[in-house]
Amino acid sequence: MVGIYGLGGIGKTTLARAIYNHIANQFECKCFLANVREHCATMEGLVKMQKILLFKMLGDMKFYIGEVNEGISIIKHRLCRKKALLVLDDVDKLEQLQNLVGQRNWFGSDSKIIITTRDKRLLTAHKIDSMYQMEELNDQEALELFCWNALKRSEPDAGYEEISMSAICYGKNLPLVLEIIGSDLFRKGIDE
């Protein structure tokens, strides 16, 4: 189990998706569960996520999950011998980890579980094997990302330096914010 943690919008999901896409073909079954926090706001949501996890991993719906403990039992029984790749994106509660990935023996040997969260304490509490803290972009990286989205080049055009730096300052070097602002400013003049 690997945890990726850091501020919202810093690129945790993008990194997890890139890793998933790069190694997915090495696994017998795989699943990328996006927006776990949003989907698990209720206990019914947690059961729904268990069902989605099992469907994506196994490709069938020949099981009934009436409540969370039934889902745990099915996950453990059906996946304990499978080499699985699972990403849980945007986890915000320990119960989500406990009920979706539980312990390492829920999945076969050589399985990989990647968890993204804003809260490092969740990863520590669940005894995650390895943790990676996403860092903010430095000013040069932020400028380049903004420019690729706003200008479709790696650096600002003449006359756009000051406005580009203002956008970076406003976006606080967070990739998601810089991408949104840059995309919104694409093909717009300085006045706009």
C-alpha atoms as a PDB file:
ATOM      1  CA  MET A   1       0.000   0.000   0.000  1.00  0.00           C
ATOM      2  CA  VAL A   2       1.294   3.404  -1.014  1.00  0.00           C
ATOM      3  CA  GLY A   3      -0.141   6.732   0.082  1.00  0.00           C
ATOM      4  CA  ILE A   4       0.133  10.027  -1.785  1.00  0.00           C
ATOM      5  CA  TYR A   5      -0.819  13.051   0.292  1.00  0.00           C
ATOM      6  CA  GLY A   6      -0.829  16.829  -0.047  1.00  0.00           C
ATOM      7  CA  LEU A   7      -2.961  19.895  -0.600  1.00  0.00           C
ATOM      8  CA  GLY A   8      -6.085  19.765  -2.741  1.00  0.00           C
ATOM      9  CA  GLY A   9      -5.339  20.581  -6.388  1.00  0.00           C
ATOM     10  CA  ILE A  10      -1.643  19.776  -6.083  1.00  0.00           C
ATOM     11  CA  GLY A  11      -1.732  16.833  -8.512  1.00  0.00           C
ATOM     12  CA  LYS A  12      -2.242  13.704  -6.378  1.00  0.00           C
ATOM     13  CA  THR A  13      -4.956  12.292  -8.627  1.00  0.00           C
ATOM     14  CA  THR A  14      -2.967  13.086 -11.768  1.00  0.00           C
ATOM     15  CA  LEU A  15       0.072  11.261 -10.374  1.00  0.00           C
ATOM     16  CA  ALA A  16      -1.999   8.263  -9.237  1.00  0.00           C
ATOM     17  CA  ARG A  17      -3.728   8.078 -12.646  1.00  0.00           C
ATOM     18  CA  ALA A  18      -0.371   8.206 -14.462  1.00  0.00           C
ATOM     19  CA  ILE A  19       1.035   5.389 -12.305  1.00  0.00           C
ATOM     20  CA  TYR A  20      -2.171   3.361 -12.767  1.00  0.00           C
ATOM     21  CA  ASN A  21      -2.099   3.772 -16.548  1.00  0.00           C
ATOM     22  CA  HIS A  22       1.593   2.886 -16.684  1.00  0.00           C
ATOM     23  CA  ILE A  23       1.399  -0.385 -14.697  1.00  0.00           C
ATOM     24  CA  ALA A  24      -2.218  -1.566 -15.109  1.00  0.00           C
ATOM     25  CA  ASN A  25      -1.372  -4.200 -17.732  1.00  0.00           C
ATOM     26  CA  GLN A  26       0.736  -6.067 -15.143  1.00  0.00           C
ATOM     27  CA  PHE A  27      -2.294  -6.964 -13.001  1.00  0.00           C
ATOM     28  CA  GLU A  28      -4.967  -9.617 -13.155  1.00  0.00           C
ATOM     29  CA  CYS A  29      -7.655  -7.195 -11.989  1.00  0.00           C
ATOM     30  CA  LYS A  30      -7.655  -3.440 -11.588  1.00  0.00           C
ATOM     31  CA  CYS A  31      -9.810  -0.563 -10.428  1.00  0.00           C
ATOM     32  CA  PHE A  32      -9.448   3.219 -10.130  1.00  0.00           C
ATOM     33  CA  LEU A  33     -12.027   4.488  -7.628  1.00  0.00           C
ATOM     34  CA  ALA A  34     -12.185   8.261  -8.124  1.00  0.00           C
ATOM     35  CA  ASN A  35     -13.638  10.765  -5.646  1.00  0.00           C
ATOM     36  CA  VAL A  36     -14.039   8.332  -2.734  1.00  0.00           C
ATOM     37  CA  ARG A  37     -14.719  11.200  -0.293  1.00  0.00           C
ATOM     38  CA  GLU A  38     -17.615  12.453  -2.378  1.00  0.00           C
ATOM     39  CA  HIS A  39     -19.133   9.017  -3.023  1.00  0.00           C
ATOM     40  CA  CYS A  40     -18.811   7.745   0.548  1.00  0.00           C
ATOM     41  CA  ALA A  41     -20.604  10.623   2.269  1.00  0.00           C
ATOM     42  CA  THR A  42     -23.191   8.095   3.522  1.00  0.00           C
ATOM     43  CA  MET A  43     -23.020   4.427   4.540  1.00  0.00           C
ATOM     44  CA  GLU A  44     -25.011   3.628   1.404  1.00  0.00           C
ATOM     45  CA  GLY A  45     -22.235   5.335  -0.534  1.00  0.00           C
ATOM     46  CA  LEU A  46     -19.646   3.066   1.047  1.00  0.00           C
ATOM     47  CA  VAL A  47     -21.642  -0.029   0.047  1.00  0.00           C
ATOM     48  CA  LYS A  48     -21.968   1.405  -3.461  1.00  0.00           C
ATOM     49  CA  MET A  49     -18.190   1.876  -3.642  1.00  0.00           C
ATOM     50  CA  GLN A  50     -17.670  -1.745  -2.548  1.00  0.00           C
ATOM     51  CA  LYS A  51     -19.985  -2.855  -5.351  1.00  0.00           C
ATOM     52  CA  ILE A  52     -18.150  -0.707  -7.913  1.00  0.00           C
ATOM     53  CA  LEU A  53     -14.792  -2.008  -6.701  1.00  0.00           C
ATOM     54  CA  LEU A  54     -15.921  -5.625  -7.073  1.00  0.00           C
ATOM     55  CA  PHE A  55     -17.535  -5.019 -10.460  1.00  0.00           C
ATOM     56  CA  LYS A  56     -14.453  -3.285 -11.884  1.00  0.00           C
ATOM     57  CA  MET A  57     -12.122  -5.923 -10.441  1.00  0.00           C
ATOM     58  CA  LEU A  58     -14.128  -9.013 -11.353  1.00  0.00           C
ATOM     59  CA  GLY A  59     -16.448  -7.883 -14.133  1.00  0.00           C
ATOM     60  CA  ASP A  60     -19.574  -9.436 -12.666  1.00  0.00           C
ATOM     61  CA  MET A  61     -22.364  -8.521 -10.286  1.00  0.00           C
ATOM     62  CA  LYS A  62     -23.254 -12.030  -9.059  1.00  0.00           C
ATOM     63  CA  PHE A  63     -23.220 -11.034  -5.425  1.00  0.00           C
ATOM     64  CA  TYR A  64     -25.496  -9.167  -3.077  1.00  0.00           C
ATOM     65  CA  ILE A  65     -24.156  -6.545  -0.677  1.00  0.00           C
ATOM     66  CA  GLY A  66     -26.768  -5.339   1.762  1.00  0.00           C
ATOM     67  CA  GLU A  67     -24.400  -3.673   4.182  1.00  0.00           C
ATOM     68  CA  VAL A  68     -20.718  -2.841   4.621  1.00  0.00           C
ATOM     69  CA  ASN A  69     -19.691  -6.001   6.516  1.00  0.00           C
ATOM     70  CA  GLU A  70     -21.086  -8.196   3.734  1.00  0.00           C
ATOM     71  CA  GLY A  71     -19.030  -6.181   1.265  1.00  0.00           C
ATOM     72  CA  ILE A  72     -15.871  -6.703   3.316  1.00  0.00           C
ATOM     73  CA  SER A  73     -16.453 -10.439   3.380  1.00  0.00           C
ATOM     74  CA  ILE A  74     -16.983 -10.630  -0.390  1.00  0.00           C
ATOM     75  CA  ILE A  75     -13.939  -8.460  -1.152  1.00  0.00           C
ATOM     76  CA  LYS A  76     -11.722 -10.630   1.056  1.00  0.00           C
ATOM     77  CA  HIS A  77     -13.096 -13.895  -0.328  1.00  0.00           C
ATOM     78  CA  ARG A  78     -13.148 -12.973  -4.029  1.00  0.00           C
ATOM     79  CA  LEU A  79      -9.885 -10.982  -4.259  1.00  0.00           C
ATOM     80  CA  CYS A  80      -7.534 -12.705  -1.790  1.00  0.00           C
ATOM     81  CA  ARG A  81      -5.837 -14.719  -4.546  1.00  0.00           C
ATOM     82  CA  LYS A  82      -5.881 -12.075  -7.264  1.00  0.00           C
ATOM     83  CA  LYS A  83      -2.948  -9.868  -8.211  1.00  0.00           C
ATOM     84  CA  ALA A  84      -4.800  -6.562  -8.047  1.00  0.00           C
ATOM     85  CA  LEU A  85      -4.124  -2.913  -8.721  1.00  0.00           C
ATOM     86  CA  LEU A  86      -6.428  -0.565  -6.854  1.00  0.00           C
ATOM     87  CA  VAL A  87      -6.405   3.222  -6.566  1.00  0.00           C
ATOM     88  CA  LEU A  88      -8.561   4.895  -3.932  1.00  0.00           C
ATOM     89  CA  ASP A  89      -8.620   8.556  -4.879  1.00  0.00           C
ATOM     90  CA  ASP A  90      -9.430  11.365  -2.418  1.00  0.00           C
ATOM     91  CA  VAL A  91      -9.948   9.373   0.776  1.00  0.00           C
ATOM     92  CA  ASP A  92     -10.883  11.460   3.812  1.00  0.00           C
ATOM     93  CA  LYS A  93     -11.968   8.950   6.466  1.00  0.00           C
ATOM     94  CA  LEU A  94     -10.295   5.947   8.046  1.00  0.00           C
ATOM     95  CA  GLU A  95     -13.491   3.896   7.680  1.00  0.00           C
ATOM     96  CA  GLN A  96     -13.185   4.197   3.886  1.00  0.00           C
ATOM     97  CA  LEU A  97      -9.796   2.486   4.030  1.00  0.00           C
ATOM     98  CA  GLN A  98     -10.984  -0.080   6.561  1.00  0.00           C
ATOM     99  CA  ASN A  99     -14.005  -1.048   4.462  1.00  0.00           C
ATOM    100  CA  LEU A 100     -12.537  -0.887   0.957  1.00  0.00           C
ATOM    101  CA  VAL A 101      -8.966  -2.151   1.327  1.00  0.00           C
ATOM    102  CA  GLY A 102      -8.802  -3.378   4.929  1.00  0.00           C
ATOM    103  CA  GLN A 103      -5.629  -5.372   5.330  1.00  0.00           C
ATOM    104  CA  ARG A 104      -2.991  -6.574   2.901  1.00  0.00           C
ATOM    105  CA  ASN A 105      -4.295 -10.159   2.986  1.00  0.00           C
ATOM    106  CA  TRP A 106      -7.558  -9.027   1.367  1.00  0.00           C
ATOM    107  CA  PHE A 107      -5.681  -9.090  -1.951  1.00  0.00           C
ATOM    108  CA  GLY A 108      -3.260 -11.532  -3.537  1.00  0.00           C
ATOM    109  CA  SER A 109       0.489 -11.267  -3.309  1.00  0.00           C
ATOM    110  CA  ASP A 110       2.132  -8.601  -5.464  1.00  0.00           C
ATOM    111  CA  SER A 111      -1.052  -6.509  -5.381  1.00  0.00           C
ATOM    112  CA  LYS A 112      -0.603  -2.736  -5.283  1.00  0.00           C
ATOM    113  CA  ILE A 113      -2.931  -0.293  -3.585  1.00  0.00           C
ATOM    114  CA  ILE A 114      -2.467   3.443  -4.082  1.00  0.00           C
ATOM    115  CA  ILE A 115      -4.339   5.883  -1.867  1.00  0.00           C
ATOM    116  CA  THR A 116      -4.568   9.648  -2.389  1.00  0.00           C
ATOM    117  CA  THR A 117      -5.597  11.907   0.461  1.00  0.00           C
ATOM    118  CA  ARG A 118      -5.120  15.362   1.895  1.00  0.00           C
ATOM    119  CA  ASP A 119      -4.628  13.872   5.374  1.00  0.00           C
ATOM    120  CA  LYS A 120      -1.354  12.102   6.159  1.00  0.00           C
ATOM    121  CA  ARG A 121      -2.786  10.917   9.511  1.00  0.00           C
ATOM    122  CA  LEU A 122      -5.170   8.558   7.688  1.00  0.00           C
ATOM    123  CA  LEU A 123      -2.229   6.857   6.006  1.00  0.00           C
ATOM    124  CA  THR A 124      -0.342   6.566   9.282  1.00  0.00           C
ATOM    125  CA  ALA A 125      -3.397   5.226  11.131  1.00  0.00           C
ATOM    126  CA  HIS A 126      -3.945   2.569   8.443  1.00  0.00           C
ATOM    127  CA  LYS A 127      -0.252   1.583   8.549  1.00  0.00           C
ATOM    128  CA  ILE A 128       0.431   2.335   4.892  1.00  0.00           C
ATOM    129  CA  ASP A 129       3.769   0.882   3.751  1.00  0.00           C
ATOM    130  CA  SER A 130       5.111   3.927   1.958  1.00  0.00           C
ATOM    131  CA  MET A 131       4.037   7.576   1.787  1.00  0.00           C
ATOM    132  CA  TYR A 132       4.825  10.317  -0.706  1.00  0.00           C
ATOM    133  CA  GLN A 133       4.114  13.981  -0.017  1.00  0.00           C
ATOM    134  CA  MET A 134       3.237  16.000  -3.108  1.00  0.00           C
ATOM    135  CA  GLU A 135       5.120  19.286  -3.136  1.00  0.00           C
ATOM    136  CA  GLU A 136       3.974  22.557  -4.616  1.00  0.00           C
ATOM    137  CA  LEU A 137       5.466  23.545  -7.932  1.00  0.00           C
ATOM    138  CA  ASN A 138       8.357  25.970  -7.790  1.00  0.00           C
ATOM    139  CA  ASP A 139       7.872  29.314  -9.552  1.00  0.00           C
ATOM    140  CA  GLN A 140       9.546  28.180 -12.786  1.00  0.00           C
ATOM    141  CA  GLU A 141       7.455  24.989 -12.999  1.00  0.00           C
ATOM    142  CA  ALA A 142       4.290  26.956 -12.200  1.00  0.00           C
ATOM    143  CA  LEU A 143       5.079  29.499 -14.915  1.00  0.00           C
ATOM    144  CA  GLU A 144       5.678  26.773 -17.468  1.00  0.00           C
ATOM    145  CA  LEU A 145       2.437  24.937 -16.612  1.00  0.00           C
ATOM    146  CA  PHE A 146       0.439  28.158 -16.748  1.00  0.00           C
ATOM    147  CA  CYS A 147       1.995  29.147 -20.082  1.00  0.00           C
ATOM    148  CA  TRP A 148       1.324  25.753 -21.668  1.00  0.00           C
ATOM    149  CA  ASN A 149      -2.357  26.134 -20.784  1.00  0.00           C
ATOM    150  CA  ALA A 150      -2.757  29.848 -21.530  1.00  0.00           C
ATOM    151  CA  LEU A 151      -0.354  30.330 -24.429  1.00  0.00           C
ATOM    152  CA  LYS A 152       0.411  26.792 -25.683  1.00  0.00           C
ATOM    153  CA  ARG A 153       4.121  27.385 -25.194  1.00  0.00           C
ATOM    154  CA  SER A 154       6.572  27.015 -22.293  1.00  0.00           C
ATOM    155  CA  GLU A 155       7.166  30.695 -21.553  1.00  0.00           C
ATOM    156  CA  PRO A 156       5.170  33.912 -21.762  1.00  0.00           C
ATOM    157  CA  ASP A 157       5.125  36.005 -24.899  1.00  0.00           C
ATOM    158  CA  ALA A 158       6.665  39.478 -24.736  1.00  0.00           C
ATOM    159  CA  GLY A 159       4.305  41.727 -22.806  1.00  0.00           C
ATOM    160  CA  TYR A 160       2.644  38.804 -20.967  1.00  0.00           C
ATOM    161  CA  GLU A 161       5.339  38.308 -18.304  1.00  0.00           C
ATOM    162  CA  GLU A 162       3.700  40.446 -15.603  1.00  0.00           C
ATOM    163  CA  ILE A 163       0.192  39.061 -16.087  1.00  0.00           C
ATOM    164  CA  SER A 164       1.589  35.509 -16.117  1.00  0.00           C
ATOM    165  CA  MET A 165       3.360  36.099 -12.799  1.00  0.00           C
ATOM    166  CA  SER A 166       0.144  37.570 -11.348  1.00  0.00           C
ATOM    167  CA  ALA A 167      -1.771  34.445 -12.349  1.00  0.00           C
ATOM    168  CA  ILE A 168       0.875  32.224 -10.744  1.00  0.00           C
ATOM    169  CA  CYS A 169       0.781  34.260  -7.546  1.00  0.00           C
ATOM    170  CA  TYR A 170      -3.032  34.059  -7.522  1.00  0.00           C
ATOM    171  CA  GLY A 171      -2.944  30.297  -8.166  1.00  0.00           C
ATOM    172  CA  LYS A 172      -0.408  29.740  -5.364  1.00  0.00           C
ATOM    173  CA  ASN A 173       1.576  27.351  -7.576  1.00  0.00           C
ATOM    174  CA  LEU A 174      -1.179  24.706  -7.406  1.00  0.00           C
ATOM    175  CA  PRO A 175      -1.320  22.765 -10.703  1.00  0.00           C
ATOM    176  CA  LEU A 176      -5.098  22.409 -10.904  1.00  0.00           C
ATOM    177  CA  VAL A 177      -5.660  26.121 -10.307  1.00  0.00           C
ATOM    178  CA  LEU A 178      -2.981  27.088 -12.838  1.00  0.00           C
ATOM    179  CA  GLU A 179      -4.456  24.756 -15.455  1.00  0.00           C
ATOM    180  CA  ILE A 180      -7.947  26.186 -14.970  1.00  0.00           C
ATOM    181  CA  ILE A 181      -6.818  29.815 -15.029  1.00  0.00           C
ATOM    182  CA  GLY A 182      -4.499  29.196 -17.981  1.00  0.00           C
ATOM    183  CA  SER A 183      -7.163  27.395 -19.992  1.00  0.00           C
ATOM    184  CA  ASP A 184      -9.665  30.155 -19.242  1.00  0.00           C
ATOM    185  CA  LEU A 185      -7.212  32.783 -20.519  1.00  0.00           C
ATOM    186  CA  PHE A 186      -6.302  30.897 -23.695  1.00  0.00           C
ATOM    187  CA  ARG A 187      -6.652  33.131 -26.787  1.00  0.00           C
ATOM    188  CA  LYS A 188      -7.451  36.224 -24.709  1.00  0.00           C
ATOM    189  CA  GLY A 189      -5.614  39.529 -24.854  1.00  0.00           C
ATOM    190  CA  ILE A 190      -3.884  41.256 -21.949  1.00  0.00           C
ATOM    191  CA  ASP A 191      -6.919  43.447 -21.207  1.00  0.00           C
ATOM    192  CA  GLU A 192      -9.192  40.437 -20.889  1.00  0.00           C
END
